[in-house]
Amino acid sequence: MEEPPHDTTHWTSAAMAEAVGVSVSSVQRVWRAHGLQPHPIRQFKLSKDSEFVDKRRDIVGLYVDPPAHAVVLSVDEKSQIQALDRTQPGLPLRKGRAVTMTHDYKRHGRPRCSLR
């Protein structure tokens, strides 16, 4: 129930084994015996955008039927590095429940850019 060591975002079996003083396989056996899966994450977001469905159709349409001689690129502004600091803490790991986290995150002053 403690924070992971150093600048890591989650406990690994190797980090847990080192912290407790047992083998990695022992940590994995204990996690398995208690049904703990510390790495799976479930998250979702319901959009409040009234035009969401239309925008989604436009974007999916580009992939399904791209214009002739076009290159379709996807850029995700929420890279794993940026999305580490969430606006609210997640719920703790419990048997049968994956780690939870909010869909939004703190930007830490990084400006948004858009190419037109």
N, C-alpha and C. Protein backbone atom coordinates (compact mmCIF):
# COMPACT_ATOMS: atom_id res chain seq x y z
N MET A 1 0.81 -1.19 0.00
CA MET A 1 0.00 0.00 0.00
C MET A 1 0.86 1.27 0.00
N GLU A 2 2.16 1.13 -0.21
CA GLU A 2 3.04 2.29 -0.26
C GLU A 2 3.28 2.70 -1.70
N GLU A 3 3.73 3.94 -1.86
CA GLU A 3 4.08 4.44 -3.19
C GLU A 3 5.26 3.63 -3.73
N PRO A 4 5.33 3.45 -5.06
CA PRO A 4 6.47 2.72 -5.64
C PRO A 4 7.77 3.51 -5.45
N PRO A 5 8.89 2.84 -5.51
CA PRO A 5 10.17 3.50 -5.26
C PRO A 5 10.57 4.47 -6.36
N HIS A 6 11.34 5.46 -5.97
CA HIS A 6 11.98 6.43 -6.88
C HIS A 6 10.95 7.15 -7.74
N ASP A 7 11.24 7.28 -9.02
CA ASP A 7 10.36 8.01 -9.94
C ASP A 7 9.48 7.08 -10.76
N THR A 8 9.21 5.89 -10.28
CA THR A 8 8.39 4.94 -11.04
C THR A 8 6.91 5.21 -10.80
N THR A 9 6.09 4.76 -11.73
CA THR A 9 4.65 5.00 -11.64
C THR A 9 3.89 3.87 -10.98
N HIS A 10 4.47 2.67 -10.97
CA HIS A 10 3.79 1.53 -10.36
C HIS A 10 4.82 0.51 -9.88
N TRP A 11 4.37 -0.39 -9.04
CA TRP A 11 5.24 -1.45 -8.55
C TRP A 11 5.41 -2.52 -9.62
N THR A 12 6.62 -2.96 -9.82
CA THR A 12 6.88 -4.14 -10.64
C THR A 12 7.18 -5.28 -9.69
N SER A 13 7.11 -6.50 -10.18
CA SER A 13 7.42 -7.63 -9.31
C SER A 13 8.88 -7.58 -8.87
N ALA A 14 9.77 -7.09 -9.74
CA ALA A 14 11.19 -6.99 -9.36
C ALA A 14 11.40 -5.94 -8.27
N ALA A 15 10.73 -4.78 -8.40
CA ALA A 15 10.86 -3.73 -7.38
C ALA A 15 10.27 -4.19 -6.05
N MET A 16 9.14 -4.88 -6.10
CA MET A 16 8.52 -5.40 -4.88
C MET A 16 9.41 -6.44 -4.22
N ALA A 17 9.99 -7.32 -5.03
CA ALA A 17 10.88 -8.36 -4.48
C ALA A 17 12.09 -7.74 -3.79
N GLU A 18 12.66 -6.72 -4.41
CA GLU A 18 13.82 -6.06 -3.82
C GLU A 18 13.45 -5.34 -2.52
N ALA A 19 12.30 -4.67 -2.50
CA ALA A 19 11.87 -3.93 -1.32
C ALA A 19 11.57 -4.84 -0.14
N VAL A 20 11.01 -6.02 -0.43
CA VAL A 20 10.61 -6.94 0.63
C VAL A 20 11.72 -7.93 0.98
N GLY A 21 12.64 -8.16 0.04
CA GLY A 21 13.74 -9.09 0.29
C GLY A 21 13.42 -10.54 -0.03
N VAL A 22 12.58 -10.74 -1.06
CA VAL A 22 12.26 -12.10 -1.50
C VAL A 22 12.52 -12.18 -3.01
N SER A 23 12.32 -13.37 -3.57
CA SER A 23 12.54 -13.54 -5.00
C SER A 23 11.36 -13.00 -5.80
N VAL A 24 11.62 -12.70 -7.08
CA VAL A 24 10.58 -12.21 -7.98
C VAL A 24 9.47 -13.25 -8.11
N SER A 25 9.84 -14.51 -8.22
CA SER A 25 8.82 -15.56 -8.36
C SER A 25 7.94 -15.66 -7.11
N SER A 26 8.50 -15.36 -5.93
CA SER A 26 7.69 -15.36 -4.70
C SER A 26 6.65 -14.25 -4.76
N VAL A 27 7.05 -13.07 -5.20
CA VAL A 27 6.11 -11.96 -5.33
C VAL A 27 5.01 -12.34 -6.32
N GLN A 28 5.38 -12.91 -7.46
CA GLN A 28 4.40 -13.30 -8.46
C GLN A 28 3.44 -14.36 -7.93
N ARG A 29 3.94 -15.30 -7.14
CA ARG A 29 3.07 -16.33 -6.55
C ARG A 29 2.07 -15.70 -5.58
N VAL A 30 2.52 -14.76 -4.76
CA VAL A 30 1.62 -14.11 -3.80
C VAL A 30 0.56 -13.30 -4.55
N TRP A 31 0.98 -12.54 -5.55
CA TRP A 31 0.01 -11.77 -6.33
C TRP A 31 -1.02 -12.69 -6.96
N ARG A 32 -0.56 -13.79 -7.56
CA ARG A 32 -1.47 -14.74 -8.22
C ARG A 32 -2.41 -15.37 -7.20
N ALA A 33 -1.89 -15.76 -6.01
CA ALA A 33 -2.71 -16.41 -4.99
C ALA A 33 -3.83 -15.50 -4.48
N HIS A 34 -3.59 -14.19 -4.51
CA HIS A 34 -4.59 -13.24 -4.02
C HIS A 34 -5.37 -12.57 -5.15
N GLY A 35 -5.16 -13.03 -6.37
CA GLY A 35 -5.89 -12.49 -7.51
C GLY A 35 -5.52 -11.05 -7.85
N LEU A 36 -4.31 -10.63 -7.49
CA LEU A 36 -3.89 -9.26 -7.76
C LEU A 36 -3.23 -9.16 -9.12
N GLN A 37 -3.65 -8.17 -9.88
CA GLN A 37 -3.06 -7.87 -11.17
C GLN A 37 -2.77 -6.38 -11.18
N PRO A 38 -1.60 -5.98 -10.71
CA PRO A 38 -1.34 -4.56 -10.51
C PRO A 38 -1.18 -3.73 -11.78
N HIS A 39 -1.01 -4.35 -12.92
CA HIS A 39 -0.73 -3.56 -14.12
C HIS A 39 -1.94 -3.28 -15.01
N PRO A 40 -2.97 -4.15 -15.08
CA PRO A 40 -4.12 -3.83 -15.91
C PRO A 40 -4.81 -2.56 -15.42
N ILE A 41 -5.21 -1.71 -16.34
CA ILE A 41 -5.88 -0.45 -16.00
C ILE A 41 -7.14 -0.36 -16.82
N ARG A 42 -8.23 0.00 -16.18
CA ARG A 42 -9.49 0.22 -16.89
C ARG A 42 -9.84 1.68 -16.75
N GLN A 43 -10.17 2.31 -17.85
CA GLN A 43 -10.60 3.70 -17.81
C GLN A 43 -11.57 3.96 -18.94
N PHE A 44 -12.41 4.94 -18.76
CA PHE A 44 -13.31 5.35 -19.82
C PHE A 44 -13.70 6.79 -19.59
N LYS A 45 -14.21 7.40 -20.61
CA LYS A 45 -14.66 8.78 -20.52
C LYS A 45 -15.90 8.93 -21.37
N LEU A 46 -16.93 9.52 -20.80
CA LEU A 46 -18.12 9.85 -21.57
C LEU A 46 -17.95 11.29 -22.03
N SER A 47 -18.00 11.50 -23.32
CA SER A 47 -17.79 12.84 -23.86
C SER A 47 -19.01 13.71 -23.63
N LYS A 48 -18.76 14.97 -23.26
CA LYS A 48 -19.84 15.95 -23.09
C LYS A 48 -20.01 16.80 -24.35
N ASP A 49 -19.24 16.50 -25.38
CA ASP A 49 -19.29 17.25 -26.63
C ASP A 49 -20.54 16.84 -27.41
N SER A 50 -21.41 17.80 -27.70
CA SER A 50 -22.65 17.50 -28.42
C SER A 50 -22.39 17.05 -29.86
N GLU A 51 -21.21 17.36 -30.39
CA GLU A 51 -20.87 16.97 -31.77
C GLU A 51 -19.95 15.74 -31.80
N PHE A 52 -19.83 15.05 -30.69
CA PHE A 52 -18.90 13.92 -30.60
C PHE A 52 -19.16 12.84 -31.65
N VAL A 53 -20.41 12.45 -31.81
CA VAL A 53 -20.74 11.36 -32.74
C VAL A 53 -20.36 11.75 -34.17
N ASP A 54 -20.67 12.98 -34.57
CA ASP A 54 -20.32 13.43 -35.92
C ASP A 54 -18.80 13.48 -36.11
N LYS A 55 -18.10 14.00 -35.11
CA LYS A 55 -16.63 14.06 -35.20
C LYS A 55 -16.03 12.66 -35.28
N ARG A 56 -16.58 11.75 -34.48
CA ARG A 56 -16.08 10.37 -34.51
C ARG A 56 -16.28 9.74 -35.88
N ARG A 57 -17.45 9.95 -36.47
CA ARG A 57 -17.73 9.41 -37.81
C ARG A 57 -16.73 9.95 -38.83
N ASP A 58 -16.44 11.27 -38.75
CA ASP A 58 -15.48 11.88 -39.68
C ASP A 58 -14.10 11.25 -39.54
N ILE A 59 -13.66 11.07 -38.31
CA ILE A 59 -12.31 10.53 -38.08
C ILE A 59 -12.23 9.07 -38.49
N VAL A 60 -13.22 8.27 -38.08
CA VAL A 60 -13.22 6.86 -38.46
C VAL A 60 -13.33 6.72 -39.97
N GLY A 61 -14.09 7.61 -40.59
CA GLY A 61 -14.24 7.59 -42.05
C GLY A 61 -12.91 7.80 -42.76
N LEU A 62 -12.03 8.61 -42.19
CA LEU A 62 -10.71 8.81 -42.80
C LEU A 62 -9.92 7.50 -42.84
N TYR A 63 -10.06 6.69 -41.81
CA TYR A 63 -9.34 5.41 -41.77
C TYR A 63 -9.99 4.37 -42.66
N VAL A 64 -11.31 4.33 -42.64
CA VAL A 64 -12.04 3.32 -43.41
C VAL A 64 -11.97 3.61 -44.91
N ASP A 65 -12.12 4.86 -45.29
CA ASP A 65 -12.16 5.24 -46.70
C ASP A 65 -11.37 6.55 -46.89
N PRO A 66 -10.03 6.48 -46.85
CA PRO A 66 -9.24 7.72 -46.96
C PRO A 66 -9.35 8.31 -48.36
N PRO A 67 -9.20 9.65 -48.46
CA PRO A 67 -9.21 10.29 -49.78
C PRO A 67 -8.05 9.76 -50.63
N ALA A 68 -8.20 9.83 -51.93
CA ALA A 68 -7.15 9.36 -52.84
C ALA A 68 -5.86 10.14 -52.59
N HIS A 69 -4.74 9.45 -52.61
CA HIS A 69 -3.41 10.03 -52.45
C HIS A 69 -3.23 10.76 -51.11
N ALA A 70 -3.93 10.33 -50.09
CA ALA A 70 -3.84 10.98 -48.78
C ALA A 70 -3.08 10.09 -47.81
N VAL A 71 -2.44 10.73 -46.87
CA VAL A 71 -1.80 10.03 -45.75
C VAL A 71 -2.56 10.43 -44.51
N VAL A 72 -3.08 9.44 -43.77
CA VAL A 72 -3.85 9.71 -42.56
C VAL A 72 -2.95 9.41 -41.37
N LEU A 73 -2.74 10.42 -40.54
CA LEU A 73 -1.89 10.28 -39.36
C LEU A 73 -2.74 10.44 -38.10
N SER A 74 -2.37 9.72 -37.07
CA SER A 74 -3.04 9.85 -35.79
C SER A 74 -2.03 10.34 -34.76
N VAL A 75 -2.37 11.40 -34.05
CA VAL A 75 -1.49 11.95 -33.03
C VAL A 75 -2.27 12.01 -31.73
N ASP A 76 -1.74 11.37 -30.72
CA ASP A 76 -2.39 11.33 -29.41
C ASP A 76 -1.68 12.32 -28.50
N GLU A 77 -2.39 13.36 -28.06
CA GLU A 77 -1.75 14.34 -27.20
C GLU A 77 -1.51 13.81 -25.80
N LYS A 78 -2.15 12.70 -25.44
CA LYS A 78 -1.98 12.15 -24.11
C LYS A 78 -0.97 11.01 -24.13
N SER A 79 0.27 11.33 -24.39
CA SER A 79 1.28 10.28 -24.38
C SER A 79 1.42 9.74 -22.97
N GLN A 80 1.94 8.55 -22.81
CA GLN A 80 2.10 7.94 -21.49
C GLN A 80 2.97 8.81 -20.59
N ILE A 81 3.93 9.51 -21.15
CA ILE A 81 4.80 10.34 -20.33
C ILE A 81 4.02 11.53 -19.78
N GLN A 82 3.22 12.18 -20.63
CA GLN A 82 2.44 13.33 -20.17
C GLN A 82 1.36 12.93 -19.19
N ALA A 83 0.76 11.78 -19.38
CA ALA A 83 -0.45 11.43 -18.64
C ALA A 83 -0.18 10.82 -17.27
N LEU A 84 1.01 10.95 -16.74
CA LEU A 84 1.31 10.30 -15.47
C LEU A 84 0.63 10.96 -14.28
N ASP A 85 0.57 12.28 -14.24
CA ASP A 85 -0.02 12.96 -13.10
C ASP A 85 -1.50 13.22 -13.35
N ARG A 86 -2.34 12.42 -12.74
CA ARG A 86 -3.79 12.53 -12.92
C ARG A 86 -4.35 13.61 -12.01
N THR A 87 -5.54 14.10 -12.33
CA THR A 87 -6.15 15.15 -11.52
C THR A 87 -6.67 14.63 -10.19
N GLN A 88 -6.95 13.34 -10.10
CA GLN A 88 -7.40 12.73 -8.85
C GLN A 88 -6.69 11.40 -8.69
N PRO A 89 -6.45 10.98 -7.45
CA PRO A 89 -5.80 9.68 -7.26
C PRO A 89 -6.74 8.54 -7.67
N GLY A 90 -6.16 7.46 -8.14
CA GLY A 90 -6.95 6.29 -8.51
C GLY A 90 -7.37 5.50 -7.30
N LEU A 91 -8.30 4.58 -7.50
CA LEU A 91 -8.72 3.70 -6.41
C LEU A 91 -7.66 2.62 -6.21
N PRO A 92 -7.48 2.16 -4.99
CA PRO A 92 -6.44 1.15 -4.73
C PRO A 92 -6.77 -0.20 -5.37
N LEU A 93 -5.74 -0.96 -5.60
CA LEU A 93 -5.86 -2.30 -6.16
C LEU A 93 -6.55 -3.19 -5.14
N ARG A 94 -7.53 -3.98 -5.61
CA ARG A 94 -8.20 -4.96 -4.77
C ARG A 94 -8.40 -6.23 -5.57
N LYS A 95 -8.64 -7.31 -4.88
CA LYS A 95 -8.88 -8.57 -5.56
C LYS A 95 -10.06 -8.43 -6.52
N GLY A 96 -9.83 -8.80 -7.78
CA GLY A 96 -10.88 -8.74 -8.78
C GLY A 96 -11.10 -7.38 -9.40
N ARG A 97 -10.31 -6.37 -9.01
CA ARG A 97 -10.47 -5.04 -9.59
C ARG A 97 -9.13 -4.50 -10.04
N ALA A 98 -9.09 -4.03 -11.26
CA ALA A 98 -7.86 -3.44 -11.78
C ALA A 98 -7.65 -2.06 -11.17
N VAL A 99 -6.45 -1.55 -11.33
CA VAL A 99 -6.15 -0.19 -10.90
C VAL A 99 -7.05 0.76 -11.68
N THR A 100 -7.50 1.82 -11.05
CA THR A 100 -8.33 2.79 -11.76
C THR A 100 -7.62 4.14 -11.80
N MET A 101 -7.94 4.92 -12.81
CA MET A 101 -7.39 6.27 -12.90
C MET A 101 -8.36 7.13 -13.69
N THR A 102 -8.28 8.43 -13.45
CA THR A 102 -9.15 9.35 -14.17
C THR A 102 -8.66 9.51 -15.60
N HIS A 103 -9.55 9.98 -16.47
CA HIS A 103 -9.18 10.15 -17.88
C HIS A 103 -8.37 11.42 -18.10
N ASP A 104 -8.46 12.38 -17.17
CA ASP A 104 -7.77 13.64 -17.38
C ASP A 104 -6.50 13.74 -16.54
N TYR A 105 -5.66 14.68 -16.89
CA TYR A 105 -4.36 14.77 -16.27
C TYR A 105 -3.91 16.22 -16.18
N LYS A 106 -2.88 16.45 -15.40
CA LYS A 106 -2.32 17.79 -15.25
C LYS A 106 -1.30 18.02 -16.35
N ARG A 107 -1.34 19.19 -16.94
CA ARG A 107 -0.46 19.50 -18.07
C ARG A 107 0.93 19.96 -17.68
N HIS A 108 1.12 20.53 -16.53
CA HIS A 108 2.43 21.03 -16.07
C HIS A 108 3.00 22.07 -17.03
N GLY A 109 2.15 22.93 -17.54
CA GLY A 109 2.62 24.05 -18.35
C GLY A 109 2.98 23.75 -19.78
N ARG A 110 2.77 22.54 -20.25
CA ARG A 110 3.09 22.24 -21.65
C ARG A 110 2.00 22.82 -22.53
N PRO A 111 2.33 23.68 -23.46
CA PRO A 111 1.31 24.31 -24.30
C PRO A 111 0.73 23.34 -25.32
N ARG A 112 -0.51 23.54 -25.63
CA ARG A 112 -1.14 22.76 -26.70
C ARG A 112 -0.73 23.38 -28.03
N CYS A 113 -0.48 22.57 -29.02
CA CYS A 113 -0.19 23.11 -30.35
C CYS A 113 -1.09 22.42 -31.34
N SER A 114 -1.40 23.12 -32.38
CA SER A 114 -2.17 22.49 -33.45
C SER A 114 -1.57 22.94 -34.77
N LEU A 115 -1.53 22.01 -35.69
CA LEU A 115 -1.02 22.29 -37.04
C LEU A 115 -2.22 22.37 -37.96
N ARG A 116 -2.26 23.38 -38.75
CA ARG A 116 -3.39 23.54 -39.70
C ARG A 116 -2.86 23.59 -41.09
